[in-house]
Amino acid sequence: MAISLFMSIFLLALPFLLFVLLKHRVSNNGSFNRLPPGPPSPPSLPLIGHLHLLMSDNSVPHLFLYKLSQKYGPLMFLRFGFRPTLVVSSAKMAEEVMKTHDLDFCSRPNLCAAGKFSYNASDLSYSPYNDYWREMRKICVVHLFSRVKTYRPTREDEVSRLIEKICQLSVDSKPINLSEAVMCLSNSIICRIGFRKRYDEEGAEKSRFSRLLKESEALFSNLSFSDYFPFMGWVDRFTGFLSRLEKAFKEVDTFIQNLLMSILIQIN
């Protein structure tokens, strides 16, 4: 359904897209001569680049990229719409990108869902590299990262709870979903450290927390036209993505506000 809608809109906008692509190539003539290897874009689909490969592959994105890296190497160039993408698939290349040439790669892309949930990229994860980001990093290093050792008892307690749960399920001869168990462990540690609460027990609050978390993850991974075709952001409103994003954001924002209020009441 999503692919059919995408192709219909693509064919309708094809003349305008061809003009934009031609202008883009003329203005950037010679700038793509030193790009890493990657799968060539089919001549019949020059504008979407490799996006159709990602959409048509049945595997999850990281497995799809891993398959391509086995053929084209640990440093691979892909183009998703108008977004040039560099895929790093080895520890050596990751060190080059994240350490040796970190200033060239340290900024964050402007993505629709990420920008919305991060309050217009005002957090440490999605803020572009600038003076604001450096100041945020200093604050986190002084007041958060330096206190990692103090949270060791919390981490050990949550790991003990997980081991006891796995042991009990084994005794009862019940199946164990390790992926779900590890995800629950991570969420419990983060919630206890950040919110002083646990959300692994059954109940309405836990159910609401899980639903909001899954919906947020789905929106982060869903296709947004504005992410790959900045001049076609209006399509997101037509497909209902923006209304779904706005609804989820309001629910998450309300949940966080109520949570902060309860923490302030406990402190006082």
Protein backbone atom coordinates (compact mmCIF):
# COMPACT_ATOMS: atom_id res chain seq x y z
CA MET A 1 0.00 0.00 0.00
CA ALA A 2 2.72 2.46 0.98
CA ILE A 3 4.89 1.52 -2.03
CA SER A 4 1.94 1.90 -4.45
CA LEU A 5 1.08 5.32 -3.04
CA PHE A 6 4.72 6.35 -3.22
CA MET A 7 5.02 5.31 -6.89
CA SER A 8 1.77 7.09 -7.84
CA ILE A 9 2.92 10.36 -6.30
CA PHE A 10 6.35 9.89 -7.82
CA LEU A 11 4.95 9.50 -11.37
CA LEU A 12 2.72 12.55 -10.97
CA ALA A 13 5.64 14.70 -9.83
CA LEU A 14 8.16 13.23 -12.29
CA PRO A 15 8.50 16.27 -14.64
CA PHE A 16 9.16 18.64 -11.74
CA LEU A 17 11.56 16.17 -10.12
CA LEU A 18 13.56 15.82 -13.34
CA PHE A 19 14.01 19.58 -13.48
CA VAL A 20 15.15 19.75 -9.85
CA LEU A 21 17.57 16.85 -10.35
CA LEU A 22 19.10 18.41 -13.46
CA LYS A 23 19.60 21.72 -11.65
CA HIS A 24 21.08 19.90 -8.65
CA ARG A 25 23.59 18.03 -10.80
CA VAL A 26 24.65 21.12 -12.67
CA SER A 27 25.29 23.05 -9.44
CA ASN A 28 27.27 20.14 -7.98
CA ASN A 29 29.21 19.11 -11.07
CA GLY A 30 32.37 17.26 -10.08
CA SER A 31 31.50 16.95 -6.38
CA PHE A 32 30.74 13.21 -6.56
CA ASN A 33 33.97 12.03 -8.17
CA ARG A 34 35.47 10.61 -4.98
CA LEU A 35 32.49 8.84 -3.48
CA PRO A 36 32.89 5.34 -1.96
CA PRO A 37 31.53 2.37 -3.96
CA GLY A 38 27.87 1.46 -3.85
CA PRO A 39 25.10 -0.16 -5.91
CA PRO A 40 24.32 1.88 -9.05
CA SER A 41 20.89 3.45 -9.27
CA PRO A 42 18.69 1.90 -12.02
CA PRO A 43 18.27 4.26 -15.01
CA SER A 44 14.46 3.98 -14.78
CA LEU A 45 14.43 5.34 -11.21
CA PRO A 46 17.08 8.10 -11.13
CA LEU A 47 15.47 10.31 -8.50
CA ILE A 48 14.79 7.93 -5.65
CA GLY A 49 18.28 6.44 -5.84
CA HIS A 50 18.50 3.30 -3.69
CA LEU A 51 15.34 4.00 -1.69
CA HIS A 52 13.34 1.40 -3.58
CA LEU A 53 15.85 -1.28 -2.60
CA LEU A 54 15.35 -0.49 1.07
CA MET A 55 11.57 -0.48 0.72
CA SER A 56 11.35 -3.71 -1.32
CA ASP A 57 13.74 -5.77 0.83
CA ASN A 58 11.93 -8.01 3.31
CA SER A 59 14.69 -7.84 5.93
CA VAL A 60 15.09 -5.09 8.50
CA PRO A 61 17.18 -2.07 7.36
CA HIS A 62 20.36 -2.94 9.24
CA LEU A 63 20.40 -6.47 7.77
CA PHE A 64 19.77 -5.06 4.31
CA LEU A 65 22.71 -2.69 4.70
CA TYR A 66 24.87 -5.54 6.02
CA LYS A 67 24.15 -7.60 2.90
CA LEU A 68 25.19 -4.70 0.67
CA SER A 69 28.36 -4.09 2.69
CA GLN A 70 29.43 -7.69 2.04
CA LYS A 71 29.50 -6.84 -1.66
CA TYR A 72 30.63 -3.21 -1.74
CA GLY A 73 32.91 -2.99 1.29
CA PRO A 74 32.95 -1.46 4.81
CA LEU A 75 32.55 2.09 3.46
CA MET A 76 29.58 2.37 1.12
CA PHE A 77 27.69 5.23 -0.50
CA LEU A 78 23.92 5.14 -0.94
CA ARG A 79 21.46 7.78 -2.02
CA PHE A 80 17.99 7.73 -0.47
CA GLY A 81 16.02 10.26 -2.47
CA PHE A 82 17.95 13.52 -2.17
CA ARG A 83 19.78 12.33 0.96
CA PRO A 84 23.36 11.14 0.30
CA THR A 85 24.20 8.49 2.90
CA LEU A 86 27.52 7.01 3.97
CA VAL A 87 27.22 3.51 5.46
CA VAL A 88 30.04 2.37 7.78
CA SER A 89 30.23 -1.37 8.45
CA SER A 90 33.54 -2.08 10.20
CA ALA A 91 35.29 -1.08 13.42
CA LYS A 92 38.24 0.40 11.51
CA MET A 93 36.03 2.63 9.35
CA ALA A 94 33.95 3.57 12.38
CA GLU A 95 37.10 4.80 14.10
CA GLU A 96 37.97 6.89 11.04
CA VAL A 97 34.51 8.46 11.00
CA MET A 98 33.94 8.90 14.75
CA LYS A 99 37.48 9.73 15.87
CA THR A 100 39.89 10.72 13.08
CA HIS A 101 37.37 12.75 11.05
CA ASP A 102 34.78 13.32 13.77
CA LEU A 103 34.31 17.03 13.04
CA ASP A 104 33.23 16.22 9.47
CA PHE A 105 30.58 13.74 10.59
CA CYS A 106 29.46 14.88 14.04
CA SER A 107 26.40 16.89 13.02
CA ARG A 108 22.90 15.40 13.00
CA PRO A 109 20.49 15.15 10.05
CA ASN A 110 17.27 17.10 10.22
CA LEU A 111 14.65 14.34 10.34
CA CYS A 112 10.91 14.89 10.74
CA ALA A 113 10.04 12.48 13.58
CA ALA A 114 13.32 12.99 15.43
CA GLY A 115 12.94 16.76 15.30
CA LYS A 116 9.40 16.59 16.65
CA PHE A 117 10.08 14.26 19.57
CA SER A 118 13.28 16.12 20.51
CA TYR A 119 11.42 19.46 20.71
CA ASN A 120 12.88 20.88 17.52
CA ALA A 121 16.27 19.14 17.99
CA SER A 122 16.93 20.79 21.35
CA ASP A 123 18.36 17.69 23.04
CA LEU A 124 21.86 16.20 22.90
CA SER A 125 21.03 13.36 20.52
CA TYR A 126 19.54 15.28 17.61
CA SER A 127 20.88 18.79 17.96
CA PRO A 128 23.26 19.77 15.12
CA TYR A 129 26.89 20.30 16.04
CA ASN A 130 27.18 23.94 17.15
CA ASP A 131 27.79 26.03 20.28
CA TYR A 132 24.49 24.91 21.78
CA TRP A 133 25.38 21.22 21.34
CA ARG A 134 28.80 21.72 22.92
CA GLU A 135 27.23 23.44 25.92
CA MET A 136 24.68 20.64 26.29
CA ARG A 137 27.47 18.08 26.18
CA LYS A 138 29.37 19.89 28.94
CA ILE A 139 26.27 19.87 31.15
CA CYS A 140 25.70 16.15 30.54
CA VAL A 141 29.34 15.27 31.23
CA VAL A 142 29.37 17.19 34.53
CA HIS A 143 25.91 16.29 35.86
CA LEU A 144 25.06 12.95 34.21
CA PHE A 145 27.92 10.94 32.72
CA SER A 146 30.17 11.55 35.73
CA ARG A 147 27.61 9.82 38.00
CA VAL A 148 27.47 6.51 36.15
CA LYS A 149 29.18 4.62 39.00
CA THR A 150 26.58 5.80 41.50
CA TYR A 151 23.87 3.98 39.53
CA ARG A 152 25.65 0.62 39.70
CA PRO A 153 23.35 -0.77 42.45
CA THR A 154 20.33 0.02 40.28
CA ARG A 155 21.81 -1.79 37.29
CA GLU A 156 22.79 -4.80 39.40
CA ASP A 157 19.32 -4.98 40.95
CA GLU A 158 17.62 -4.95 37.54
CA VAL A 159 19.96 -7.64 36.20
CA SER A 160 19.22 -9.78 39.26
CA ARG A 161 15.48 -9.37 38.67
CA LEU A 162 15.94 -10.45 35.05
CA ILE A 163 17.96 -13.52 36.01
CA GLU A 164 15.34 -14.53 38.58
CA LYS A 165 12.59 -14.11 36.01
CA ILE A 166 14.43 -16.25 33.45
CA CYS A 167 15.13 -18.93 36.07
CA GLN A 168 11.48 -19.03 37.10
CA LEU A 169 10.32 -19.35 33.50
CA SER A 170 12.82 -22.16 32.97
CA VAL A 171 11.54 -24.03 36.03
CA ASP A 172 7.97 -23.63 34.75
CA SER A 173 9.08 -24.83 31.26
CA LYS A 174 7.79 -21.65 29.67
CA PRO A 175 9.37 -19.99 26.60
CA ILE A 176 11.61 -16.96 27.08
CA ASN A 177 11.65 -14.05 24.66
CA LEU A 178 15.20 -12.81 25.24
CA SER A 179 14.83 -9.81 22.92
CA GLU A 180 11.81 -8.59 24.86
CA ALA A 181 13.50 -9.38 28.19
CA VAL A 182 16.64 -7.39 27.34
CA MET A 183 14.54 -4.49 26.05
CA CYS A 184 12.56 -4.53 29.30
CA LEU A 185 15.83 -4.55 31.25
CA SER A 186 17.10 -1.46 29.40
CA ASN A 187 13.81 0.38 29.86
CA SER A 188 13.68 -0.45 33.58
CA ILE A 189 17.23 0.79 34.19
CA ILE A 190 16.62 4.03 32.30
CA CYS A 191 13.27 4.65 34.01
CA ARG A 192 14.63 3.98 37.50
CA ILE A 193 17.63 6.25 36.96
CA GLY A 194 15.79 9.00 35.14
CA PHE A 195 12.26 8.81 36.57
CA ARG A 196 12.68 6.82 39.83
CA LYS A 197 9.99 4.44 38.63
CA ARG A 198 9.70 0.97 37.11
CA TYR A 199 7.37 0.12 34.24
CA ASP A 200 7.70 -3.66 34.02
CA GLU A 201 4.78 -4.49 36.31
CA GLU A 202 1.35 -5.06 34.81
CA GLY A 203 -1.11 -2.22 35.00
CA ALA A 204 -2.64 0.68 33.10
CA GLU A 205 0.43 2.89 33.48
CA LYS A 206 2.78 0.19 32.20
CA SER A 207 0.46 -0.53 29.27
CA ARG A 208 0.34 3.16 28.37
CA PHE A 209 4.12 3.48 28.61
CA SER A 210 4.66 0.44 26.36
CA ARG A 211 2.13 1.70 23.80
CA LEU A 212 3.74 5.13 23.60
CA LEU A 213 7.19 3.59 23.30
CA LYS A 214 6.16 1.29 20.44
CA GLU A 215 4.33 4.08 18.62
CA SER A 216 7.35 6.37 18.90
CA GLU A 217 9.66 3.66 17.58
CA ALA A 218 7.29 3.01 14.67
CA LEU A 219 7.20 6.70 13.72
CA PHE A 220 10.99 6.91 13.85
CA SER A 221 11.27 4.02 11.38
CA ASN A 222 8.37 4.97 9.08
CA LEU A 223 8.90 6.64 5.73
CA SER A 224 8.64 10.42 5.81
CA PHE A 225 8.72 12.12 2.42
CA SER A 226 10.24 15.28 3.86
CA ASP A 227 13.25 13.27 5.08
CA TYR A 228 14.16 12.12 1.57
CA PHE A 229 12.47 14.75 -0.60
CA PRO A 230 12.51 18.07 1.33
CA PHE A 231 10.37 19.84 -1.28
CA MET A 232 7.62 17.18 -0.96
CA GLY A 233 6.90 17.54 2.75
CA TRP A 234 3.24 18.23 1.96
CA VAL A 235 2.83 14.54 1.07
CA ASP A 236 3.27 13.61 4.74
CA ARG A 237 0.08 15.47 5.55
CA PHE A 238 -1.73 13.75 2.69
CA THR A 239 -0.65 10.26 3.88
CA GLY A 240 -1.63 11.01 7.50
CA PHE A 241 1.92 10.75 8.81
CA LEU A 242 1.97 14.29 10.25
CA SER A 243 -1.34 13.90 12.07
CA ARG A 244 -0.18 10.57 13.53
CA LEU A 245 3.11 12.16 14.55
CA GLU A 246 1.40 15.13 16.18
CA LYS A 247 -0.99 12.88 18.12
CA ALA A 248 1.83 10.67 19.41
CA PHE A 249 3.95 13.69 20.35
CA LYS A 250 1.13 15.24 22.39
CA GLU A 251 0.57 11.97 24.26
CA VAL A 252 4.27 11.55 24.98
CA ASP A 253 4.58 15.18 26.05
CA THR A 254 1.62 14.83 28.43
CA PHE A 255 3.06 11.60 29.83
CA ILE A 256 6.44 13.27 30.49
CA GLN A 257 4.81 16.34 32.05
CA ASN A 258 2.79 14.17 34.46
CA LEU A 259 5.88 12.15 35.26
CA LEU A 260 7.94 15.24 36.06
CA MET A 261 5.16 16.58 38.26
CA SER A 262 5.08 13.34 40.25
CA ILE A 263 8.87 13.44 40.67
CA LEU A 264 8.72 17.05 41.92
CA ILE A 265 6.01 16.10 44.41
CA GLN A 266 8.15 13.23 45.73
CA ILE A 267 11.17 15.53 46.12
CA ASN A 268 9.18 18.17 47.98
